[in-house]
């Protein structure tokens, strides 16, 4: 697939979401829940933020996509997440996993390990998180890169995006979906094709919830496209909106508001001019 063909599919996904206003519910990080919902709304989607087991199960039965973020776990999530993931899997609903803080505590590790059998359509994270998922899930072809990984520092990555490419491809092959790695330059892969995405802003790491909201927006695009195009679309939207918003901002506070505006206003011409590189 050529760059032009990919970007046309991205434009189609953006257009379809804006026309259809699709719902993609979330069980997400309480620190960033407001920003996740606002970003989903800004791109044209609809948000529903829940945490109870029965609510997660119910929304899994009526939705085309779902977002699960393990950032700030509550005791009830030990029941909510497995039940919701199981229902999503049974109903064939695409869902997005953000393995925030993987490696912190027994419950988080247990839950992410359980999610392996339910095969998320997209996993989005930083380089250290993606390497840690591959290691936890026992993907043998990632042994070499896992040994070299420095691991995460809390929720921050200490590894480079390039270091996680092998792990990301192995995960995508296993799930049959896609993996998106966020960093200075982002990477999206379906296990065969890798796309390096450029753009973004120096302010994105300075606002709480940039990565979490990206996962939520991926789930919105999963309602109208396949996992790879959904992950690529959200990544490009963030890079282009971030680049424009930075020019109009004086710091992270003004940037956050401008960023949501630019997600809402972003034009097809900006998407078609975005810088990406395709690796087979």
Foldseek 3Di string as FASTA:
>chain_A
DDPLVLLVLLVVLLVVLQVPQFEAEEAEDPVCVVVLQLLCVLSRHHYDYDQAQVVLLVVLQVHQEYEYECADDDPRNLRRQLSNLVSNLVNVRAYEYELFQPPPDDSSLVSLLSSLVSQHQEYEAAQLSLLSSLVSVVLPQSVVLNVVAPHADRRHGPDHQVSRPSSQLSSLVSSQHKYWHDDQWIWIDNNAKIKTFHAAAPLLVVDPCSRVSLRSQLRSSSSPDGRRSSNVSSVLLRRLLRRVLVVVDDHNVSSSVSSSVCSNVPDSVSSSPTDMDMDD
